[in-house]
Amino acid sequence: AFRDSIIVSLPGVIGIALQAVALRDGSSATVAFITSLTIITVPVIGWIFLRQRLTPALWIGAILSFVGVYVMTQPLGGRFGWPEILTLIGTVLFGFQIHFINHYTRKHDPEAVTLGAFIHSVWFCLLLLLAMPEGRHLLEPATLSNLLRPLDDPNPIVRWAVHWTVPYHALFASVV
């Protein structure tokens, strides 16, 4: 389960990273709208790769969603650029991730897959953090000491909260 959870976590981490890069230059409304197409990519991926049958309602929903993206992004007017392409790739990756979750949680204990996917997501994000110049400064001693300073707090609730949120700080920082 732990090894298979790599397959579960990787598309999500890459998709989130692509989304973060897209948000640098793209409109957050457009990125969010394109990402919402995940509800369409899941059945289409199932239809293409798993030979799942799509109902007429799903086909109509897919067509309406793509028309909405077309109207919102105006690709012929030059508004469908790299941010939108990266977001669309991330959206497709999210669709694959949902299929992987469905497959591997039937094959293994769902809690083990979830824990493994979380652990793999954290170290994938840390690798991304180290690979990006903007992220490397977050690992400098001064930055880390500021992040970990509340661990010296005499209040046990503050220490507990920081202890459990430090991994999320690393995950969030690598995505941003």
N, C-alpha and C. Protein backbone atom coordinates (compact mmCIF):
# COMPACT_ATOMS: atom_id res chain seq x y z
N ALA A 1 0.83 -1.19 0.00
CA ALA A 1 0.00 0.00 0.00
C ALA A 1 0.88 1.26 0.00
N PHE A 2 1.96 1.21 0.76
CA PHE A 2 2.82 2.40 0.87
C PHE A 2 3.45 2.74 -0.48
N ARG A 3 3.90 1.71 -1.19
CA ARG A 3 4.52 1.92 -2.50
C ARG A 3 3.48 2.39 -3.52
N ASP A 4 2.30 1.78 -3.49
CA ASP A 4 1.25 2.18 -4.43
C ASP A 4 0.74 3.59 -4.15
N SER A 5 0.89 4.05 -2.92
CA SER A 5 0.42 5.40 -2.60
C SER A 5 1.27 6.47 -3.29
N ILE A 6 2.46 6.10 -3.77
CA ILE A 6 3.25 7.04 -4.59
C ILE A 6 2.45 7.38 -5.84
N ILE A 7 1.87 6.37 -6.46
CA ILE A 7 1.09 6.57 -7.68
C ILE A 7 -0.13 7.44 -7.38
N VAL A 8 -0.69 7.30 -6.20
CA VAL A 8 -1.85 8.10 -5.81
C VAL A 8 -1.45 9.56 -5.60
N SER A 9 -0.30 9.81 -4.99
CA SER A 9 0.06 11.17 -4.61
C SER A 9 0.71 11.97 -5.75
N LEU A 10 1.45 11.34 -6.61
CA LEU A 10 2.22 12.06 -7.62
C LEU A 10 1.37 12.95 -8.55
N PRO A 11 0.27 12.46 -9.12
CA PRO A 11 -0.50 13.36 -10.00
C PRO A 11 -1.05 14.59 -9.25
N GLY A 12 -1.43 14.41 -8.00
CA GLY A 12 -1.94 15.54 -7.22
C GLY A 12 -0.88 16.57 -6.94
N VAL A 13 0.31 16.12 -6.57
CA VAL A 13 1.41 17.05 -6.29
C VAL A 13 1.79 17.82 -7.56
N ILE A 14 1.92 17.11 -8.67
CA ILE A 14 2.27 17.78 -9.92
C ILE A 14 1.15 18.73 -10.33
N GLY A 15 -0.11 18.30 -10.18
CA GLY A 15 -1.23 19.15 -10.53
C GLY A 15 -1.27 20.43 -9.69
N ILE A 16 -1.02 20.31 -8.40
CA ILE A 16 -1.02 21.48 -7.52
C ILE A 16 0.15 22.40 -7.88
N ALA A 17 1.30 21.82 -8.18
CA ALA A 17 2.46 22.63 -8.57
C ALA A 17 2.18 23.39 -9.87
N LEU A 18 1.57 22.72 -10.83
CA LEU A 18 1.23 23.39 -12.09
C LEU A 18 0.21 24.50 -11.86
N GLN A 19 -0.73 24.23 -10.97
CA GLN A 19 -1.73 25.24 -10.63
C GLN A 19 -1.07 26.46 -9.98
N ALA A 20 -0.12 26.22 -9.10
CA ALA A 20 0.57 27.32 -8.43
C ALA A 20 1.35 28.16 -9.44
N VAL A 21 2.02 27.51 -10.38
CA VAL A 21 2.76 28.23 -11.41
C VAL A 21 1.77 29.02 -12.28
N ALA A 22 0.63 28.42 -12.60
CA ALA A 22 -0.37 29.11 -13.42
C ALA A 22 -0.91 30.35 -12.71
N LEU A 23 -1.02 30.29 -11.39
CA LEU A 23 -1.56 31.43 -10.64
C LEU A 23 -0.60 32.61 -10.61
N ARG A 24 0.66 32.39 -10.92
CA ARG A 24 1.61 33.50 -10.97
C ARG A 24 1.23 34.51 -12.05
N ASP A 25 0.86 34.01 -13.22
CA ASP A 25 0.58 34.89 -14.35
C ASP A 25 -0.87 34.87 -14.80
N GLY A 26 -1.64 33.88 -14.34
CA GLY A 26 -3.01 33.75 -14.81
C GLY A 26 -4.02 34.31 -13.84
N SER A 27 -5.22 34.40 -14.30
CA SER A 27 -6.33 34.88 -13.48
C SER A 27 -6.76 33.77 -12.52
N SER A 28 -6.93 34.11 -11.26
CA SER A 28 -7.35 33.09 -10.29
C SER A 28 -8.74 32.58 -10.61
N ALA A 29 -9.61 33.43 -11.16
CA ALA A 29 -10.95 32.98 -11.53
C ALA A 29 -10.88 31.95 -12.66
N THR A 30 -10.03 32.21 -13.65
CA THR A 30 -9.90 31.28 -14.77
C THR A 30 -9.26 29.97 -14.32
N VAL A 31 -8.22 30.06 -13.50
CA VAL A 31 -7.56 28.85 -12.99
C VAL A 31 -8.55 28.02 -12.18
N ALA A 32 -9.33 28.67 -11.32
CA ALA A 32 -10.32 27.95 -10.51
C ALA A 32 -11.38 27.32 -11.40
N PHE A 33 -11.83 28.05 -12.42
CA PHE A 33 -12.86 27.52 -13.30
C PHE A 33 -12.36 26.31 -14.08
N ILE A 34 -11.15 26.41 -14.63
CA ILE A 34 -10.60 25.28 -15.37
C ILE A 34 -10.39 24.09 -14.44
N THR A 35 -9.93 24.34 -13.23
CA THR A 35 -9.73 23.25 -12.27
C THR A 35 -11.05 22.57 -11.94
N SER A 36 -12.14 23.32 -11.94
CA SER A 36 -13.44 22.72 -11.65
C SER A 36 -13.84 21.70 -12.71
N LEU A 37 -13.16 21.70 -13.85
CA LEU A 37 -13.44 20.71 -14.89
C LEU A 37 -12.99 19.31 -14.49
N THR A 38 -12.39 19.17 -13.33
CA THR A 38 -12.02 17.84 -12.85
C THR A 38 -13.25 16.93 -12.82
N ILE A 39 -14.41 17.51 -12.53
CA ILE A 39 -15.63 16.69 -12.51
C ILE A 39 -15.97 16.13 -13.89
N ILE A 40 -15.41 16.73 -14.92
CA ILE A 40 -15.59 16.21 -16.28
C ILE A 40 -14.44 15.30 -16.67
N THR A 41 -13.21 15.63 -16.25
CA THR A 41 -12.07 14.80 -16.65
C THR A 41 -12.15 13.40 -16.06
N VAL A 42 -12.73 13.27 -14.87
CA VAL A 42 -12.82 11.94 -14.25
C VAL A 42 -13.63 10.97 -15.12
N PRO A 43 -14.87 11.31 -15.50
CA PRO A 43 -15.59 10.35 -16.35
C PRO A 43 -14.99 10.19 -17.74
N VAL A 44 -14.42 11.25 -18.30
CA VAL A 44 -13.83 11.13 -19.64
C VAL A 44 -12.61 10.21 -19.60
N ILE A 45 -11.79 10.34 -18.56
CA ILE A 45 -10.64 9.44 -18.40
C ILE A 45 -11.14 8.00 -18.23
N GLY A 46 -12.20 7.83 -17.44
CA GLY A 46 -12.79 6.50 -17.28
C GLY A 46 -13.30 5.93 -18.59
N TRP A 47 -13.87 6.79 -19.42
CA TRP A 47 -14.38 6.36 -20.71
C TRP A 47 -13.24 5.98 -21.66
N ILE A 48 -12.19 6.80 -21.69
CA ILE A 48 -11.08 6.56 -22.62
C ILE A 48 -10.24 5.37 -22.19
N PHE A 49 -9.85 5.32 -20.92
CA PHE A 49 -8.87 4.32 -20.48
C PHE A 49 -9.49 3.08 -19.84
N LEU A 50 -10.66 3.21 -19.24
CA LEU A 50 -11.26 2.09 -18.53
C LEU A 50 -12.52 1.56 -19.20
N ARG A 51 -12.87 2.15 -20.33
CA ARG A 51 -14.04 1.75 -21.11
C ARG A 51 -15.34 1.83 -20.30
N GLN A 52 -15.42 2.82 -19.43
CA GLN A 52 -16.63 3.05 -18.67
C GLN A 52 -17.64 3.78 -19.56
N ARG A 53 -18.89 3.44 -19.37
CA ARG A 53 -19.96 4.04 -20.17
C ARG A 53 -20.33 5.41 -19.59
N LEU A 54 -20.49 6.40 -20.47
CA LEU A 54 -20.93 7.72 -20.04
C LEU A 54 -22.39 7.92 -20.42
N THR A 55 -23.14 8.48 -19.50
CA THR A 55 -24.55 8.75 -19.76
C THR A 55 -24.67 10.00 -20.64
N PRO A 56 -25.80 10.17 -21.30
CA PRO A 56 -26.01 11.40 -22.08
C PRO A 56 -25.87 12.66 -21.22
N ALA A 57 -26.29 12.60 -19.99
CA ALA A 57 -26.18 13.77 -19.10
C ALA A 57 -24.71 14.15 -18.89
N LEU A 58 -23.83 13.16 -18.75
CA LEU A 58 -22.40 13.46 -18.60
C LEU A 58 -21.83 14.09 -19.86
N TRP A 59 -22.24 13.58 -21.02
CA TRP A 59 -21.77 14.17 -22.27
C TRP A 59 -22.23 15.62 -22.39
N ILE A 60 -23.49 15.88 -22.06
CA ILE A 60 -24.02 17.25 -22.13
C ILE A 60 -23.26 18.14 -21.13
N GLY A 61 -23.03 17.63 -19.92
CA GLY A 61 -22.28 18.39 -18.93
C GLY A 61 -20.87 18.69 -19.39
N ALA A 62 -20.23 17.72 -20.02
CA ALA A 62 -18.86 17.92 -20.52
C ALA A 62 -18.84 18.99 -21.61
N ILE A 63 -19.79 18.92 -22.52
CA ILE A 63 -19.84 19.91 -23.61
C ILE A 63 -20.10 21.31 -23.05
N LEU A 64 -21.06 21.43 -22.13
CA LEU A 64 -21.36 22.74 -21.53
C LEU A 64 -20.15 23.28 -20.76
N SER A 65 -19.44 22.41 -20.07
CA SER A 65 -18.27 22.85 -19.32
C SER A 65 -17.17 23.36 -20.25
N PHE A 66 -16.94 22.63 -21.32
CA PHE A 66 -15.91 23.07 -22.26
C PHE A 66 -16.31 24.37 -22.97
N VAL A 67 -17.60 24.52 -23.26
CA VAL A 67 -18.07 25.79 -23.83
C VAL A 67 -17.83 26.92 -22.82
N GLY A 68 -18.08 26.66 -21.54
CA GLY A 68 -17.83 27.66 -20.51
C GLY A 68 -16.36 28.06 -20.44
N VAL A 69 -15.48 27.08 -20.51
CA VAL A 69 -14.05 27.39 -20.50
C VAL A 69 -13.68 28.18 -21.75
N TYR A 70 -14.24 27.82 -22.88
CA TYR A 70 -13.96 28.53 -24.13
C TYR A 70 -14.39 30.00 -24.01
N VAL A 71 -15.59 30.23 -23.51
CA VAL A 71 -16.09 31.60 -23.37
C VAL A 71 -15.25 32.38 -22.36
N MET A 72 -14.91 31.72 -21.25
CA MET A 72 -14.18 32.42 -20.19
C MET A 72 -12.74 32.74 -20.58
N THR A 73 -12.10 31.84 -21.31
CA THR A 73 -10.68 32.04 -21.62
C THR A 73 -10.46 32.69 -22.99
N GLN A 74 -11.45 32.67 -23.85
CA GLN A 74 -11.36 33.25 -25.19
C GLN A 74 -10.04 32.87 -25.89
N PRO A 75 -9.86 31.58 -26.19
CA PRO A 75 -8.58 31.14 -26.75
C PRO A 75 -8.23 31.77 -28.10
N LEU A 76 -9.22 32.10 -28.92
CA LEU A 76 -8.91 32.71 -30.22
C LEU A 76 -8.48 34.15 -30.07
N GLY A 77 -8.81 34.75 -28.93
CA GLY A 77 -8.39 36.13 -28.66
C GLY A 77 -7.03 36.18 -27.99
N GLY A 78 -6.36 35.05 -27.89
CA GLY A 78 -5.03 35.01 -27.30
C GLY A 78 -5.03 34.90 -25.78
N ARG A 79 -6.18 34.66 -25.18
CA ARG A 79 -6.23 34.60 -23.72
C ARG A 79 -5.97 33.20 -23.17
N PHE A 80 -5.86 32.20 -24.04
CA PHE A 80 -5.57 30.85 -23.57
C PHE A 80 -4.07 30.62 -23.71
N GLY A 81 -3.34 31.05 -22.68
CA GLY A 81 -1.88 30.96 -22.73
C GLY A 81 -1.34 29.87 -21.82
N TRP A 82 -0.08 30.04 -21.43
CA TRP A 82 0.57 29.04 -20.59
C TRP A 82 -0.14 28.82 -19.25
N PRO A 83 -0.62 29.85 -18.57
CA PRO A 83 -1.30 29.57 -17.30
C PRO A 83 -2.51 28.64 -17.48
N GLU A 84 -3.25 28.86 -18.54
CA GLU A 84 -4.44 28.03 -18.77
C GLU A 84 -4.05 26.61 -19.20
N ILE A 85 -3.00 26.50 -20.00
CA ILE A 85 -2.54 25.17 -20.43
C ILE A 85 -2.03 24.38 -19.22
N LEU A 86 -1.24 25.02 -18.37
CA LEU A 86 -0.74 24.34 -17.17
C LEU A 86 -1.88 23.91 -16.26
N THR A 87 -2.88 24.78 -16.12
CA THR A 87 -4.04 24.44 -15.29
C THR A 87 -4.80 23.27 -15.88
N LEU A 88 -4.96 23.26 -17.19
CA LEU A 88 -5.67 22.15 -17.84
C LEU A 88 -4.92 20.83 -17.65
N ILE A 89 -3.60 20.87 -17.78
CA ILE A 89 -2.81 19.65 -17.53
C ILE A 89 -2.99 19.20 -16.09
N GLY A 90 -2.94 20.14 -15.14
CA GLY A 90 -3.16 19.80 -13.74
C GLY A 90 -4.53 19.21 -13.50
N THR A 91 -5.54 19.73 -14.19
CA THR A 91 -6.90 19.23 -14.05
C THR A 91 -7.00 17.78 -14.53
N VAL A 92 -6.35 17.49 -15.63
CA VAL A 92 -6.33 16.11 -16.13
C VAL A 92 -5.61 15.20 -15.12
N LEU A 93 -4.52 15.70 -14.55
CA LEU A 93 -3.80 14.91 -13.55
C LEU A 93 -4.67 14.64 -12.32
N PHE A 94 -5.47 15.63 -11.91
CA PHE A 94 -6.39 15.41 -10.79
C PHE A 94 -7.40 14.31 -11.12
N GLY A 95 -7.85 14.28 -12.38
CA GLY A 95 -8.76 13.22 -12.81
C GLY A 95 -8.12 11.85 -12.71
N PHE A 96 -6.85 11.76 -13.12
CA PHE A 96 -6.14 10.48 -12.99
C PHE A 96 -5.96 10.12 -11.52
N GLN A 97 -5.66 11.11 -10.69
CA GLN A 97 -5.47 10.84 -9.27
C GLN A 97 -6.74 10.24 -8.66
N ILE A 98 -7.89 10.75 -9.03
CA ILE A 98 -9.14 10.23 -8.48
C ILE A 98 -9.33 8.77 -8.90
N HIS A 99 -9.00 8.45 -10.14
CA HIS A 99 -9.09 7.05 -10.57
C HIS A 99 -8.09 6.17 -9.83
N PHE A 100 -6.88 6.69 -9.59
CA PHE A 100 -5.88 5.92 -8.84
C PHE A 100 -6.34 5.69 -7.40
N ILE A 101 -6.93 6.71 -6.80
CA ILE A 101 -7.45 6.55 -5.43
C ILE A 101 -8.51 5.47 -5.42
N ASN A 102 -9.42 5.51 -6.37
CA ASN A 102 -10.48 4.50 -6.45
C ASN A 102 -9.88 3.10 -6.61
N HIS A 103 -8.90 2.97 -7.45
CA HIS A 103 -8.29 1.65 -7.70
C HIS A 103 -7.53 1.13 -6.47
N TYR A 104 -6.64 1.96 -5.92
CA TYR A 104 -5.76 1.47 -4.86
C TYR A 104 -6.44 1.36 -3.50
N THR A 105 -7.51 2.13 -3.25
CA THR A 105 -8.22 1.95 -1.98
C THR A 105 -9.12 0.72 -2.00
N ARG A 106 -9.39 0.17 -3.16
CA ARG A 106 -10.10 -1.11 -3.24
C ARG A 106 -9.12 -2.28 -3.08
N LYS A 107 -7.89 -2.03 -3.48
CA LYS A 107 -6.85 -3.06 -3.46
C LYS A 107 -6.17 -3.16 -2.08
N HIS A 108 -6.06 -2.02 -1.38
CA HIS A 108 -5.37 -1.94 -0.09
C HIS A 108 -6.26 -1.25 0.94
N ASP A 109 -5.81 -1.26 2.18
CA ASP A 109 -6.50 -0.55 3.25
C ASP A 109 -6.54 0.94 2.90
N PRO A 110 -7.74 1.54 2.83
CA PRO A 110 -7.84 2.97 2.46
C PRO A 110 -7.05 3.90 3.38
N GLU A 111 -6.99 3.58 4.66
CA GLU A 111 -6.23 4.43 5.58
C GLU A 111 -4.74 4.36 5.30
N ALA A 112 -4.26 3.18 4.95
CA ALA A 112 -2.83 3.03 4.63
C ALA A 112 -2.49 3.79 3.34
N VAL A 113 -3.37 3.72 2.35
CA VAL A 113 -3.15 4.45 1.10
C VAL A 113 -3.16 5.95 1.37
N THR A 114 -4.10 6.40 2.20
CA THR A 114 -4.20 7.83 2.52
C THR A 114 -2.96 8.31 3.25
N LEU A 115 -2.52 7.57 4.26
CA LEU A 115 -1.32 7.96 5.00
C LEU A 115 -0.10 7.95 4.09
N GLY A 116 0.04 6.91 3.29
CA GLY A 116 1.17 6.85 2.37
C GLY A 116 1.15 7.99 1.36
N ALA A 117 -0.04 8.29 0.83
CA ALA A 117 -0.16 9.39 -0.13
C ALA A 117 0.22 10.72 0.53
N PHE A 118 -0.18 10.92 1.77
CA PHE A 118 0.17 12.15 2.48
C PHE A 118 1.69 12.25 2.66
N ILE A 119 2.30 11.17 3.13
CA ILE A 119 3.75 11.17 3.35
C ILE A 119 4.49 11.42 2.04
N HIS A 120 4.07 10.72 0.98
CA HIS A 120 4.73 10.92 -0.31
C HIS A 120 4.51 12.34 -0.83
N SER A 121 3.32 12.89 -0.61
CA SER A 121 3.05 14.26 -1.05
C SER A 121 3.98 15.24 -0.35
N VAL A 122 4.21 15.03 0.93
CA VAL A 122 5.09 15.94 1.68
C VAL A 122 6.51 15.88 1.12
N TRP A 123 7.06 14.67 0.91
CA TRP A 123 8.45 14.65 0.44
C TRP A 123 8.56 15.06 -1.02
N PHE A 124 7.51 14.79 -1.85
CA PHE A 124 7.53 15.31 -3.22
C PHE A 124 7.56 16.83 -3.19
N CYS A 125 6.74 17.43 -2.32
CA CYS A 125 6.70 18.89 -2.22
C CYS A 125 8.02 19.44 -1.70
N LEU A 126 8.64 18.74 -0.78
CA LEU A 126 9.95 19.19 -0.30
C LEU A 126 10.99 19.14 -1.41
N LEU A 127 10.92 18.12 -2.27
CA LEU A 127 11.83 18.07 -3.42
C LEU A 127 11.57 19.25 -4.36
N LEU A 128 10.31 19.56 -4.58
CA LEU A 128 9.98 20.72 -5.41
C LEU A 128 10.50 22.00 -4.75
N LEU A 129 10.37 22.06 -3.45
CA LEU A 129 10.85 23.22 -2.70
C LEU A 129 12.35 23.41 -2.91
N LEU A 130 13.10 22.33 -2.83
CA LEU A 130 14.55 22.41 -3.02
C LEU A 130 14.93 22.71 -4.46
N ALA A 131 14.08 22.32 -5.39
CA ALA A 131 14.39 22.53 -6.80
C ALA A 131 14.16 23.96 -7.25
N MET A 132 13.34 24.69 -6.53
CA MET A 132 13.00 26.06 -6.95
C MET A 132 13.79 27.08 -6.15
N PRO A 133 14.39 28.04 -6.85
CA PRO A 133 15.17 29.07 -6.14
C PRO A 133 14.33 29.84 -5.11
N GLU A 134 13.05 30.08 -5.44
CA GLU A 134 12.20 30.81 -4.51
C GLU A 134 11.98 30.04 -3.22
N GLY A 135 12.04 28.72 -3.31
CA GLY A 135 11.74 27.90 -2.15
C GLY A 135 12.95 27.59 -1.28
N ARG A 136 14.14 27.64 -1.87
CA ARG A 136 15.33 27.28 -1.10
C ARG A 136 15.58 28.20 0.08
N HIS A 137 15.22 29.47 -0.05
CA HIS A 137 15.45 30.40 1.07
C HIS A 137 14.60 30.02 2.29
N LEU A 138 13.53 29.24 2.07
CA LEU A 138 12.71 28.81 3.21
C LEU A 138 13.44 27.80 4.09
N LEU A 139 14.51 27.21 3.57
CA LEU A 139 15.28 26.24 4.35
C LEU A 139 16.52 26.87 4.99
N GLU A 140 16.69 28.17 4.84
CA GLU A 140 17.82 28.84 5.49
C GLU A 140 17.61 28.84 7.00
N PRO A 141 18.69 28.79 7.76
CA PRO A 141 18.56 28.70 9.23
C PRO A 141 17.68 29.80 9.83
N ALA A 142 17.81 31.03 9.36
CA ALA A 142 17.01 32.12 9.94
C ALA A 142 15.52 31.88 9.71
N THR A 143 15.16 31.43 8.52
CA THR A 143 13.75 31.18 8.22
C THR A 143 13.23 30.02 9.05
N LEU A 144 14.01 28.94 9.12
CA LEU A 144 13.57 27.79 9.90
C LEU A 144 13.47 28.13 11.39
N SER A 145 14.39 28.92 11.89
CA SER A 145 14.33 29.26 13.31
C SER A 145 13.08 30.09 13.61
N ASN A 146 12.69 30.96 12.69
CA ASN A 146 11.45 31.71 12.88
C ASN A 146 10.24 30.79 12.84
N LEU A 147 10.27 29.82 11.95
CA LEU A 147 9.16 28.88 11.83
C LEU A 147 9.05 28.01 13.08
N LEU A 148 10.18 27.58 13.61
CA LEU A 148 10.17 26.64 14.75
C LEU A 148 10.23 27.33 16.11
N ARG A 149 10.36 28.63 16.16
CA ARG A 149 10.48 29.36 17.41
C ARG A 149 9.35 29.04 18.41
N PRO A 150 8.10 28.95 17.98
CA PRO A 150 7.04 28.67 18.96
C PRO A 150 7.20 27.33 19.69
N LEU A 151 8.09 26.44 19.19
CA LEU A 151 8.31 25.18 19.91
C LEU A 151 8.91 25.43 21.29
N ASP A 152 9.54 26.58 21.49
CA ASP A 152 10.10 26.93 22.79
C ASP A 152 9.05 27.54 23.72
N ASP A 153 7.86 27.75 23.21
CA ASP A 153 6.80 28.37 23.99
C ASP A 153 6.44 27.49 25.19
N PRO A 154 6.25 28.06 26.37
CA PRO A 154 5.91 27.26 27.54
C PRO A 154 4.49 26.69 27.48
N ASN A 155 3.66 27.25 26.63
CA ASN A 155 2.28 26.78 26.53
C ASN A 155 2.24 25.46 25.75
N PRO A 156 1.77 24.37 26.36
CA PRO A 156 1.77 23.07 25.67
C PRO A 156 0.83 23.04 24.47
N ILE A 157 -0.22 23.85 24.49
CA ILE A 157 -1.14 23.87 23.35
C ILE A 157 -0.45 24.48 22.13
N VAL A 158 0.33 25.54 22.34
CA VAL A 158 1.06 26.17 21.24
C VAL A 158 2.09 25.18 20.69
N ARG A 159 2.81 24.50 21.59
CA ARG A 159 3.82 23.52 21.13
C ARG A 159 3.15 22.41 20.32
N TRP A 160 2.01 21.93 20.80
CA TRP A 160 1.30 20.85 20.11
C TRP A 160 0.84 21.32 18.73
N ALA A 161 0.26 22.53 18.67
CA ALA A 161 -0.25 23.05 17.39
C ALA A 161 0.88 23.20 16.38
N VAL A 162 2.01 23.74 16.81
CA VAL A 162 3.14 23.93 15.90
C VAL A 162 3.71 22.58 15.48
N HIS A 163 3.81 21.65 16.42
CA HIS A 163 4.35 20.32 16.11
C HIS A 163 3.55 19.66 14.99
N TRP A 164 2.23 19.82 15.01
CA TRP A 164 1.41 19.16 14.00
C TRP A 164 1.24 19.98 12.72
N THR A 165 1.60 21.25 12.75
CA THR A 165 1.43 22.05 11.53
C THR A 165 2.72 22.27 10.75
N VAL A 166 3.88 21.96 11.31
CA VAL A 166 5.14 22.16 10.59
C VAL A 166 5.14 21.41 9.25
N PRO A 167 4.70 20.14 9.17
CA PRO A 167 4.68 19.50 7.85
C PRO A 167 3.78 20.23 6.86
N TYR A 168 2.69 20.81 7.35
CA TYR A 168 1.80 21.54 6.45
C TYR A 168 2.46 22.83 5.97
N HIS A 169 3.27 23.46 6.82
CA HIS A 169 4.01 24.65 6.40
C HIS A 169 4.92 24.31 5.21
N ALA A 170 5.63 23.20 5.33
CA ALA A 170 6.54 22.78 4.24
C ALA A 170 5.75 22.48 2.98
N LEU A 171 4.64 21.80 3.14
CA LEU A 171 3.81 21.44 1.99
C LEU A 171 3.25 22.70 1.33
N PHE A 172 2.71 23.60 2.13
CA PHE A 172 2.13 24.83 1.60
C PHE A 172 3.20 25.70 0.95
N ALA A 173 4.33 25.84 1.61
CA ALA A 173 5.41 26.71 1.09
C ALA A 173 5.93 26.18 -0.25
N SER A 174 6.02 24.88 -0.39
CA SER A 174 6.53 24.34 -1.65
C SER A 174 5.55 24.56 -2.79
N VAL A 175 4.27 24.55 -2.48
CA VAL A 175 3.27 24.78 -3.51
C VAL A 175 3.22 26.25 -3.91
N VAL A 176 3.32 27.14 -2.89
CA VAL A 176 3.28 28.58 -3.17
C VAL A 176 4.53 28.97 -3.92
